[in-house]
C-alpha atoms as a PDB file:
ATOM      1  CA  MET A   1     -26.132  -9.002  14.855  1.00  0.00           C
ATOM      2  CA  LEU A   2     -25.554 -12.718  14.354  1.00  0.00           C
ATOM      3  CA  ALA A   3     -26.191 -12.605  10.591  1.00  0.00           C
ATOM      4  CA  PRO A   4     -23.321 -10.181   9.760  1.00  0.00           C
ATOM      5  CA  ALA A   5     -20.936 -12.251  11.898  1.00  0.00           C
ATOM      6  CA  GLY A   6     -22.074 -15.409  10.109  1.00  0.00           C
ATOM      7  CA  LEU A   7     -21.593 -13.755   6.727  1.00  0.00           C
ATOM      8  CA  LEU A   8     -18.125 -12.591   7.749  1.00  0.00           C
ATOM      9  CA  LEU A   9     -17.158 -16.069   8.962  1.00  0.00           C
ATOM     10  CA  GLY A  10     -18.595 -17.635   5.803  1.00  0.00           C
ATOM     11  CA  GLY A  11     -16.619 -15.187   3.666  1.00  0.00           C
ATOM     12  CA  VAL A  12     -13.404 -16.015   5.528  1.00  0.00           C
ATOM     13  CA  LEU A  13     -13.958 -19.769   5.127  1.00  0.00           C
ATOM     14  CA  ILE A  14     -14.730 -19.416   1.416  1.00  0.00           C
ATOM     15  CA  GLY A  15     -11.635 -17.251   0.989  1.00  0.00           C
ATOM     16  CA  GLN A  16      -9.501 -19.880   2.711  1.00  0.00           C
ATOM     17  CA  ALA A  17     -10.943 -22.643   0.537  1.00  0.00           C
ATOM     18  CA  LEU A  18     -10.241 -20.647  -2.622  1.00  0.00           C
ATOM     19  CA  ALA A  19      -6.708 -19.901  -1.450  1.00  0.00           C
ATOM     20  CA  GLN A  20      -6.061 -23.645  -1.085  1.00  0.00           C
ATOM     21  CA  ALA A  21      -7.475 -24.565  -4.507  1.00  0.00           C
ATOM     22  CA  PRO A  22      -4.856 -25.341  -7.160  1.00  0.00           C
ATOM     23  CA  PRO A  23      -4.176 -22.258  -9.310  1.00  0.00           C
ATOM     24  CA  VAL A  24      -4.178 -24.417 -12.453  1.00  0.00           C
ATOM     25  CA  SER A  25      -7.019 -26.847 -13.083  1.00  0.00           C
ATOM     26  CA  PHE A  26      -6.495 -30.476 -14.068  1.00  0.00           C
ATOM     27  CA  PRO A  27      -6.473 -30.816 -17.880  1.00  0.00           C
ATOM     28  CA  LEU A  28      -8.839 -33.663 -18.771  1.00  0.00           C
ATOM     29  CA  ASP A  29      -7.495 -35.850 -21.593  1.00  0.00           C
ATOM     30  CA  TYR A  30      -4.211 -33.942 -21.515  1.00  0.00           C
ATOM     31  CA  LYS A  31      -2.441 -36.647 -23.514  1.00  0.00           C
ATOM     32  CA  SER A  32      -4.740 -35.972 -26.470  1.00  0.00           C
ATOM     33  CA  THR A  33      -5.576 -32.283 -26.015  1.00  0.00           C
ATOM     34  CA  LEU A  34      -1.969 -31.175 -25.465  1.00  0.00           C
ATOM     35  CA  VAL A  35       0.949 -31.830 -27.816  1.00  0.00           C
ATOM     36  CA  LYS A  36       3.813 -34.037 -26.642  1.00  0.00           C
ATOM     37  CA  TYR A  37       6.931 -32.209 -27.763  1.00  0.00           C
ATOM     38  CA  ALA A  38       9.760 -33.839 -25.792  1.00  0.00           C
ATOM     39  CA  VAL A  39      10.954 -36.690 -23.614  1.00  0.00           C
ATOM     40  CA  VAL A  40      13.647 -35.955 -21.059  1.00  0.00           C
ATOM     41  CA  ASP A  41      15.439 -38.799 -19.275  1.00  0.00           C
ATOM     42  CA  ARG A  42      17.485 -38.128 -16.142  1.00  0.00           C
ATOM     43  CA  SER A  43      20.451 -39.928 -14.677  1.00  0.00           C
ATOM     44  CA  ASP A  44      18.402 -40.869 -11.610  1.00  0.00           C
ATOM     45  CA  GLY A  45      16.024 -43.059 -13.648  1.00  0.00           C
ATOM     46  CA  VAL A  46      13.239 -40.530 -14.021  1.00  0.00           C
ATOM     47  CA  SER A  47      11.758 -40.003 -17.470  1.00  0.00           C
ATOM     48  CA  ARG A  48       9.495 -37.061 -18.244  1.00  0.00           C
ATOM     49  CA  ASP A  49       7.077 -36.440 -21.088  1.00  0.00           C
ATOM     50  CA  LEU A  50       6.681 -32.740 -21.864  1.00  0.00           C
ATOM     51  CA  TYR A  51       3.454 -31.369 -23.338  1.00  0.00           C
ATOM     52  CA  ALA A  52       2.377 -27.940 -24.590  1.00  0.00           C
ATOM     53  CA  SER A  53      -0.989 -26.489 -25.487  1.00  0.00           C
ATOM     54  CA  ARG A  54      -1.779 -25.950 -29.146  1.00  0.00           C
ATOM     55  CA  GLU A  55      -1.751 -22.151 -28.605  1.00  0.00           C
ATOM     56  CA  ALA A  56       1.966 -22.322 -27.839  1.00  0.00           C
ATOM     57  CA  ILE A  57       2.679 -24.513 -30.876  1.00  0.00           C
ATOM     58  CA  GLU A  58       0.723 -22.214 -33.209  1.00  0.00           C
ATOM     59  CA  ALA A  59       2.393 -19.088 -31.805  1.00  0.00           C
ATOM     60  CA  LEU A  60       5.839 -20.595 -32.412  1.00  0.00           C
ATOM     61  CA  LYS A  61       4.846 -21.615 -35.952  1.00  0.00           C
ATOM     62  CA  ARG A  62       3.893 -17.997 -36.659  1.00  0.00           C
ATOM     63  CA  ASP A  63       7.072 -16.649 -35.062  1.00  0.00           C
ATOM     64  CA  PRO A  64       9.926 -19.154 -34.551  1.00  0.00           C
ATOM     65  CA  ARG A  65      11.920 -16.483 -32.691  1.00  0.00           C
ATOM     66  CA  LEU A  66       9.129 -15.930 -30.173  1.00  0.00           C
ATOM     67  CA  ARG A  67      10.595 -15.158 -26.763  1.00  0.00           C
ATOM     68  CA  GLU A  68       7.363 -15.034 -24.793  1.00  0.00           C
ATOM     69  CA  LEU A  69       4.620 -17.654 -24.914  1.00  0.00           C
ATOM     70  CA  PRO A  70       1.046 -16.391 -25.313  1.00  0.00           C
ATOM     71  CA  ARG A  71      -1.401 -15.968 -22.449  1.00  0.00           C
ATOM     72  CA  GLY A  72      -3.303 -19.230 -21.906  1.00  0.00           C
ATOM     73  CA  THR A  73      -0.336 -21.470 -22.776  1.00  0.00           C
ATOM     74  CA  LEU A  74      -0.340 -24.656 -20.701  1.00  0.00           C
ATOM     75  CA  LEU A  75       2.844 -26.684 -20.219  1.00  0.00           C
ATOM     76  CA  ALA A  76       2.682 -30.127 -18.596  1.00  0.00           C
ATOM     77  CA  LEU A  77       5.297 -32.565 -17.353  1.00  0.00           C
ATOM     78  CA  ASP A  78       4.263 -36.224 -16.846  1.00  0.00           C
ATOM     79  CA  VAL A  79       6.676 -38.317 -14.733  1.00  0.00           C
ATOM     80  CA  HIS A  80       7.707 -41.980 -15.205  1.00  0.00           C
ATOM     81  CA  SER A  81      10.283 -44.292 -13.600  1.00  0.00           C
ATOM     82  CA  ALA A  82      12.799 -46.407 -15.484  1.00  0.00           C
ATOM     83  CA  LYS A  83      13.386 -50.131 -15.067  1.00  0.00           C
ATOM     84  CA  VAL A  84      16.151 -50.861 -12.585  1.00  0.00           C
ATOM     85  CA  LEU A  85      18.632 -53.531 -13.678  1.00  0.00           C
ATOM     86  CA  GLY A  86      20.696 -53.487 -10.501  1.00  0.00           C
ATOM     87  CA  ARG A  87      23.515 -51.484  -8.952  1.00  0.00           C
ATOM     88  CA  ASP A  88      26.940 -50.508 -10.214  1.00  0.00           C
ATOM     89  CA  ARG A  89      29.552 -52.648  -8.406  1.00  0.00           C
ATOM     90  CA  LYS A  90      31.865 -49.729  -7.630  1.00  0.00           C
ATOM     91  CA  THR A  91      29.566 -46.761  -7.041  1.00  0.00           C
ATOM     92  CA  ARG A  92      26.463 -48.666  -5.856  1.00  0.00           C
ATOM     93  CA  ALA A  93      24.428 -46.297  -8.031  1.00  0.00           C
ATOM     94  CA  PHE A  94      21.344 -47.760  -9.687  1.00  0.00           C
ATOM     95  CA  VAL A  95      21.732 -48.963 -13.270  1.00  0.00           C
ATOM     96  CA  TYR A  96      18.680 -48.490 -15.494  1.00  0.00           C
ATOM     97  CA  GLU A  97      17.587 -50.425 -18.550  1.00  0.00           C
ATOM     98  CA  ALA A  98      17.850 -48.414 -21.752  1.00  0.00           C
ATOM     99  CA  THR A  99      17.293 -48.841 -25.477  1.00  0.00           C
ATOM    100  CA  ARG A 100      20.212 -49.063 -27.929  1.00  0.00           C
ATOM    101  CA  ASP A 101      20.117 -45.317 -28.393  1.00  0.00           C
ATOM    102  CA  GLY A 102      20.224 -44.684 -24.642  1.00  0.00           C
ATOM    103  CA  HIS A 103      16.568 -43.889 -23.932  1.00  0.00           C
ATOM    104  CA  LEU A 104      15.364 -45.156 -20.567  1.00  0.00           C
ATOM    105  CA  ILE A 105      12.896 -48.032 -20.608  1.00  0.00           C
ATOM    106  CA  ARG A 106      10.020 -47.210 -18.317  1.00  0.00           C
ATOM    107  CA  SER A 107       8.758 -49.531 -15.620  1.00  0.00           C
ATOM    108  CA  LYS A 108       5.885 -47.493 -14.227  1.00  0.00           C
ATOM    109  CA  ASP A 109       4.028 -44.216 -14.415  1.00  0.00           C
ATOM    110  CA  GLU A 110       4.569 -42.045 -11.392  1.00  0.00           C
ATOM    111  CA  ARG A 111       1.465 -40.346 -10.161  1.00  0.00           C
ATOM    112  CA  VAL A 112       2.822 -36.864 -10.817  1.00  0.00           C
ATOM    113  CA  LEU A 113       1.706 -34.313 -13.400  1.00  0.00           C
ATOM    114  CA  HIS A 114       3.262 -30.840 -13.048  1.00  0.00           C
ATOM    115  CA  LEU A 115       1.579 -27.913 -14.794  1.00  0.00           C
ATOM    116  CA  MET A 116       2.267 -24.277 -15.523  1.00  0.00           C
ATOM    117  CA  ARG A 117      -0.168 -21.898 -17.221  1.00  0.00           C
ATOM    118  CA  LYS A 118       0.586 -18.442 -18.611  1.00  0.00           C
ATOM    119  CA  ILE A 119      -2.017 -16.261 -16.905  1.00  0.00           C
ATOM    120  CA  GLN A 120      -1.050 -12.853 -18.265  1.00  0.00           C
ATOM    121  CA  PRO A 121       1.218 -11.440 -20.960  1.00  0.00           C
ATOM    122  CA  GLY A 122       4.762 -10.482 -20.137  1.00  0.00           C
ATOM    123  CA  SER A 123       7.869 -12.226 -18.971  1.00  0.00           C
ATOM    124  CA  GLY A 124       8.678 -13.150 -15.408  1.00  0.00           C
ATOM    125  CA  SER A 125       7.355 -15.391 -12.699  1.00  0.00           C
ATOM    126  CA  GLN A 126       4.295 -13.297 -11.843  1.00  0.00           C
ATOM    127  CA  ASN A 127       2.809 -14.187 -15.238  1.00  0.00           C
ATOM    128  CA  TRP A 128       2.623 -17.935 -14.605  1.00  0.00           C
ATOM    129  CA  ALA A 129       0.469 -20.106 -12.326  1.00  0.00           C
ATOM    130  CA  PHE A 130       1.625 -23.550 -11.235  1.00  0.00           C
ATOM    131  CA  GLY A 131      -0.074 -26.750 -10.114  1.00  0.00           C
ATOM    132  CA  GLY A 132       0.334 -30.478  -9.763  1.00  0.00           C
ATOM    133  CA  PHE A 133      -2.004 -33.450  -9.875  1.00  0.00           C
ATOM    134  CA  ASP A 134      -2.142 -37.200  -9.659  1.00  0.00           C
ATOM    135  CA  PRO A 135      -2.858 -37.942 -13.349  1.00  0.00           C
ATOM    136  CA  LEU A 136      -4.941 -41.027 -12.496  1.00  0.00           C
ATOM    137  CA  THR A 137      -7.281 -39.484  -9.932  1.00  0.00           C
ATOM    138  CA  ALA A 138      -6.968 -35.737 -10.775  1.00  0.00           C
ATOM    139  CA  GLU A 139      -6.354 -35.109  -7.069  1.00  0.00           C
ATOM    140  CA  PRO A 140      -4.073 -32.116  -6.404  1.00  0.00           C
ATOM    141  CA  LEU A 141      -0.547 -32.888  -5.246  1.00  0.00           C
ATOM    142  CA  HIS A 142       0.522 -31.505  -1.882  1.00  0.00           C
ATOM    143  CA  LEU A 143       2.699 -28.649  -3.091  1.00  0.00           C
ATOM    144  CA  GLN A 144       3.517 -25.318  -1.540  1.00  0.00           C
ATOM    145  CA  LEU A 145       2.329 -23.139  -4.414  1.00  0.00           C
ATOM    146  CA  PRO A 146       3.697 -21.184  -6.013  1.00  0.00           C
ATOM    147  CA  GLY A 147       6.914 -21.673  -3.996  1.00  0.00           C
ATOM    148  CA  ASP A 148       7.747 -25.297  -4.875  1.00  0.00           C
ATOM    149  CA  CYS A 149       7.592 -24.559  -8.605  1.00  0.00           C
ATOM    150  CA  LEU A 150       8.451 -20.887  -8.675  1.00  0.00           C
ATOM    151  CA  LEU A 151      11.802 -21.166  -6.914  1.00  0.00           C
ATOM    152  CA  CYS A 152      13.060 -23.560  -9.547  1.00  0.00           C
ATOM    153  CA  HIS A 153      11.524 -21.915 -12.621  1.00  0.00           C
ATOM    154  CA  GLN A 154      12.907 -18.480 -11.807  1.00  0.00           C
ATOM    155  CA  ALA A 155      16.230 -19.807 -13.105  1.00  0.00           C
ATOM    156  CA  ALA A 156      14.555 -19.995 -16.544  1.00  0.00           C
ATOM    157  CA  VAL A 157      13.345 -16.382 -16.595  1.00  0.00           C
ATOM    158  CA  VAL A 158      15.266 -15.697 -19.846  1.00  0.00           C
ATOM    159  CA  SER A 159      13.210 -18.392 -21.628  1.00  0.00           C
ATOM    160  CA  ASP A 160       9.811 -17.302 -20.271  1.00  0.00           C
ATOM    161  CA  MET A 161      10.117 -19.615 -17.244  1.00  0.00           C
ATOM    162  CA  ALA A 162      10.311 -22.746 -19.453  1.00  0.00           C
ATOM    163  CA  PHE A 163      13.515 -24.784 -19.171  1.00  0.00           C
ATOM    164  CA  SER A 164      12.586 -26.708 -22.318  1.00  0.00           C
ATOM    165  CA  MET A 165      11.900 -23.742 -24.631  1.00  0.00           C
ATOM    166  CA  SER A 166      14.656 -24.841 -27.043  1.00  0.00           C
ATOM    167  CA  LEU A 167      13.171 -28.363 -27.198  1.00  0.00           C
ATOM    168  CA  LEU A 168       9.733 -26.870 -27.888  1.00  0.00           C
ATOM    169  CA  LYS A 169      11.106 -24.672 -30.671  1.00  0.00           C
ATOM    170  CA  ARG A 170      12.958 -27.613 -32.260  1.00  0.00           C
ATOM    171  CA  PHE A 171       9.758 -29.677 -32.100  1.00  0.00           C
ATOM    172  CA  VAL A 172       7.838 -26.938 -33.910  1.00  0.00           C
ATOM    173  CA  GLU A 173      10.625 -26.639 -36.501  1.00  0.00           C
ATOM    174  CA  THR A 174      10.996 -30.384 -37.160  1.00  0.00           C
ATOM    175  CA  GLY A 175       7.630 -31.889 -36.195  1.00  0.00           C
ATOM    176  CA  ALA A 176       9.498 -34.639 -34.310  1.00  0.00           C
ATOM    177  CA  VAL A 177       9.261 -35.251 -30.568  1.00  0.00           C
ATOM    178  CA  GLN A 178      12.583 -34.114 -29.129  1.00  0.00           C
ATOM    179  CA  TYR A 179      14.746 -36.176 -26.788  1.00  0.00           C
ATOM    180  CA  GLY A 180      16.984 -34.864 -24.067  1.00  0.00           C
ATOM    181  CA  PHE A 181      19.142 -36.473 -21.429  1.00  0.00           C
ATOM    182  CA  CYS A 182      19.950 -34.651 -18.213  1.00  0.00           C
ATOM    183  CA  VAL A 183      22.860 -35.771 -16.068  1.00  0.00           C
ATOM    184  CA  HIS A 184      21.445 -33.981 -13.025  1.00  0.00           C
ATOM    185  CA  PRO A 185      19.225 -35.955 -10.659  1.00  0.00           C
ATOM    186  CA  GLY A 186      15.981 -34.751  -9.114  1.00  0.00           C
ATOM    187  CA  ARG A 187      14.697 -31.319  -9.887  1.00  0.00           C
ATOM    188  CA  GLN A 188      17.987 -29.695 -10.808  1.00  0.00           C
ATOM    189  CA  SER A 189      17.711 -27.684 -14.011  1.00  0.00           C
ATOM    190  CA  CYS A 190      19.256 -28.916 -17.234  1.00  0.00           C
ATOM    191  CA  ALA A 191      20.561 -26.892 -20.153  1.00  0.00           C
ATOM    192  CA  PHE A 192      18.842 -27.770 -23.435  1.00  0.00           C
END
């Protein structure tokens, strides 16, 4: 009688452990295995490098009008902070150092790597899995998944949950890493 109870308890504990595991695994060597297609600077001094898997790039080369990324596509967002020069005298808002063309100059890498993987064909949120990691240690970030990511990305349902689809398509068309500036701070969505 004790063995079935032990098996049941073991099954419950394993199920709980699997439920807490990140739904997207950490991509080793992501900076060389994925393709950097854009840099997005934000008004709050956060700069983000955007990466896509080669499957997504190849699919868009075959069909530039592609509306749905292929199953297996991995998108990654690597976060950095800009150098602070001081504060604006009137607004007290931070002022960040930038290049002549307005690109933020980075002061440090944040320990945040956001990921989304297309897990099944089709459009809509149920076809994507989300995750986040510390890019230095590969430790999962403490996120409420899929909620933390899903709530935001549902606003991009018309572009297969990817806010930067137009930047990705322009990268594929031109071969040049795209640059975008977003006036919204934090995790507010930006139109590209």
